[in-house]
Protein backbone atom coordinates (compact mmCIF):
# COMPACT_ATOMS: atom_id res chain seq x y z
CA UNK A 1 92.34 106.40 158.82
CA UNK A 2 91.24 107.88 155.58
CA UNK A 3 90.18 105.53 152.40
CA UNK A 4 91.69 106.51 149.33
CA UNK A 5 90.74 105.92 145.69
CA UNK A 6 93.22 106.65 142.61
CA UNK A 7 92.03 107.50 139.10
CA UNK A 8 94.60 106.99 135.99
CA UNK A 9 94.36 107.31 132.32
CA UNK A 10 95.97 107.02 128.99
CA UNK A 11 94.61 107.84 125.76
CA UNK A 12 96.96 106.47 123.02
CA UNK A 13 97.98 103.35 121.87
CA UNK A 14 101.75 104.64 122.45
CA UNK A 15 101.15 105.48 126.08
CA UNK A 16 99.69 101.92 126.45
CA UNK A 17 102.65 100.23 125.09
CA UNK A 18 105.20 102.64 126.94
CA UNK A 19 103.13 101.51 130.32
CA UNK A 20 102.50 104.73 131.50
CA UNK A 21 99.41 103.69 133.16
CA UNK A 22 101.57 101.49 135.36
CA UNK A 23 103.95 104.26 136.05
CA UNK A 24 101.03 106.42 136.99
CA UNK A 25 99.23 103.62 139.44
CA UNK A 26 102.76 103.27 141.14
CA UNK A 27 103.33 106.71 141.61
CA UNK A 28 99.75 107.24 143.03
CA UNK A 29 99.80 104.12 145.17
CA UNK A 30 103.03 105.69 146.71
CA UNK A 31 101.36 108.85 147.32
CA UNK A 32 98.45 107.23 149.07
CA UNK A 33 100.92 105.53 151.04
CA UNK A 34 102.99 108.38 152.22
CA UNK A 35 99.98 110.38 153.18
CA UNK A 36 98.69 106.95 155.37
CA UNK A 37 95.92 106.57 153.61
CA UNK A 38 94.25 103.27 152.79
CA UNK A 39 93.93 102.51 148.94
CA UNK A 40 90.23 100.88 148.68
CA UNK A 41 89.85 101.00 144.64
CA UNK A 42 91.45 101.77 141.41
CA UNK A 43 89.77 103.59 138.70
CA UNK A 44 91.71 103.07 135.44
CA UNK A 45 90.44 103.96 131.90
CA UNK A 46 93.30 102.56 129.45
CA UNK A 47 92.83 104.20 126.39
CA UNK A 48 90.07 106.79 126.51
CA UNK A 49 91.22 110.41 125.72
CA UNK A 50 90.94 113.21 128.21
CA UNK A 51 88.62 115.34 125.95
CA UNK A 52 85.73 112.96 126.79
CA UNK A 53 83.31 112.93 129.75
CA UNK A 54 81.96 109.41 129.42
CA UNK A 55 84.43 106.95 130.39
CA UNK A 56 84.05 103.75 132.06
CA UNK A 57 86.17 104.16 135.16
CA UNK A 58 85.04 107.91 135.41
CA UNK A 59 81.40 107.25 134.97
CA UNK A 60 82.07 104.63 137.92
CA UNK A 61 84.07 106.58 139.96
CA UNK A 62 81.20 109.51 139.79
CA UNK A 63 78.54 107.00 140.61
CA UNK A 64 80.58 105.87 143.76
CA UNK A 65 81.20 109.06 145.16
CA UNK A 66 77.51 109.55 146.44
CA UNK A 67 78.52 106.68 149.01
CA UNK A 68 81.06 106.74 151.80
CA UNK A 69 83.23 104.07 149.79
CA UNK A 70 85.99 106.79 150.17
CA UNK A 71 87.27 109.98 151.18
CA UNK A 72 89.97 111.30 148.92
CA UNK A 73 90.95 110.92 144.95
CA UNK A 74 94.34 110.79 143.99
CA UNK A 75 95.59 111.79 139.97
CA UNK A 76 98.42 112.40 139.00
CA UNK A 77 97.95 115.55 137.19
CA UNK A 78 95.12 117.74 136.45
CA UNK A 79 95.01 116.50 132.65
CA UNK A 80 94.43 113.36 133.74
CA UNK A 81 90.99 114.42 135.35
CA UNK A 82 90.07 115.97 131.73
CA UNK A 83 91.61 118.23 129.08
CA UNK A 84 88.61 120.43 128.77
CA UNK A 85 88.75 123.01 131.64
CA UNK A 86 84.89 122.40 131.28
CA UNK A 87 84.88 118.83 132.19
CA UNK A 88 87.39 119.27 134.88
CA UNK A 89 85.23 121.85 136.72
CA UNK A 90 82.32 119.39 136.40
CA UNK A 91 84.28 116.51 137.88
CA UNK A 92 85.91 118.58 140.53
CA UNK A 93 82.69 120.35 141.48
CA UNK A 94 80.96 117.05 142.09
CA UNK A 95 83.71 115.92 144.09
CA UNK A 96 83.80 118.59 146.14
CA UNK A 97 79.96 118.92 146.80
CA UNK A 98 80.25 115.25 147.56
CA UNK A 99 82.55 116.17 150.63
CA UNK A 100 85.51 114.58 148.50
CA UNK A 101 88.87 115.40 149.29
CA UNK A 102 91.27 115.44 145.97
CA UNK A 103 94.72 115.06 145.59
CA UNK A 104 96.72 116.11 142.52
CA UNK A 105 100.52 115.23 142.02
CA UNK A 106 100.29 114.72 145.85
CA UNK A 107 99.41 118.24 147.27
CA UNK A 108 95.56 118.79 148.25
CA UNK A 109 93.56 120.75 145.71
CA UNK A 110 91.93 123.06 148.59
CA UNK A 111 95.16 123.79 150.05
CA UNK A 112 97.51 124.36 146.97
CA UNK A 113 96.73 127.26 144.65
CA UNK A 114 98.95 125.55 142.09
CA UNK A 115 96.27 123.03 141.90
CA UNK A 116 93.53 125.26 141.53
CA UNK A 117 95.27 127.10 138.81
CA UNK A 118 96.07 123.93 136.79
CA UNK A 119 92.45 122.86 137.07
CA UNK A 120 91.42 126.31 135.64
CA UNK A 121 94.32 126.77 132.92
CA UNK A 122 92.01 128.53 130.68
CA UNK A 123 92.76 132.21 130.08
CA UNK A 124 89.67 134.23 128.71
CA UNK A 125 90.70 137.56 126.98
CA UNK A 126 88.03 139.91 125.93
CA UNK A 127 88.04 141.34 122.89
CA UNK A 128 85.48 143.24 121.86
CA UNK A 129 82.29 141.22 121.68
CA UNK A 130 83.80 137.85 122.09
CA UNK A 131 86.10 135.51 124.24
CA UNK A 132 89.05 133.52 122.97
CA UNK A 133 89.70 130.62 124.91
CA UNK A 134 91.37 128.22 125.48
CA UNK A 135 94.98 129.11 125.67
CA UNK A 136 97.76 127.33 126.00
CA UNK A 137 100.82 128.92 128.06
CA UNK A 138 102.81 129.34 125.02
CA UNK A 139 100.18 130.91 122.93
CA UNK A 140 99.05 133.14 126.14
CA UNK A 141 102.37 134.27 126.71
CA UNK A 142 103.10 135.08 122.82
CA UNK A 143 99.50 137.44 123.27
CA UNK A 144 100.54 138.86 126.29
CA UNK A 145 103.81 139.75 124.51
CA UNK A 146 102.26 141.07 122.00
CA UNK A 147 99.67 143.13 124.03
CA UNK A 148 102.79 144.47 126.05
CA UNK A 149 104.37 145.60 123.29
CA UNK A 150 101.15 147.61 122.04
CA UNK A 151 100.75 148.75 125.28
CA UNK A 152 104.37 150.22 125.42
CA UNK A 153 104.25 151.97 122.02
CA UNK A 154 100.58 153.26 122.76
CA UNK A 155 102.23 154.45 126.15
CA UNK A 156 104.97 155.99 124.36
CA UNK A 157 103.21 157.52 121.49
CA UNK A 158 100.93 159.41 123.94
CA UNK A 159 103.97 160.98 125.93
CA UNK A 160 105.53 161.81 122.68
CA UNK A 161 108.58 159.35 123.20
CA UNK A 162 107.64 157.22 120.42
CA UNK A 163 110.23 157.49 117.57
CA UNK A 164 108.53 157.63 114.71
CA UNK A 165 110.92 155.15 112.79
CA UNK A 166 109.53 152.34 114.69
CA UNK A 167 105.83 152.86 113.66
CA UNK A 168 103.67 149.58 113.03
CA UNK A 169 106.85 147.43 112.03
CA UNK A 170 108.02 147.53 115.26
CA UNK A 171 104.87 145.85 116.59
């Protein structure tokens, strides 16, 4: 039987008052029981933002991963690990380096491409000599939509099919 731990985090006073930490813990315990794992420890950062890499429970989890105290870490969502993709990468790489399994939203990280995408949600768009990142999904869609329209008009102009009345204003 695999030994599991859970990590839960809330950052704001409003989240603390709403009891979202308790709801995270309940859901994670349900996932652990459904998988047939044994919960051996809870790591809870109550009131610490996901933008911080230095959090008490996370620091303890990172220290404990060097032992055989647990096999699998459960997170409710990728943003519970960290908000910054660079921090997520550091934590996930440390866990994997020490042979730990990662479960996010009830799904194994390594076997589920959605979890890998969620943990690597930063999009780098190369424009001339600099990178723009990170992009929220809304910003990404807006930029890709604009890029799609520019590409459409460029192709139309090259093929001679562009209507002069649309010009730059249509962009």
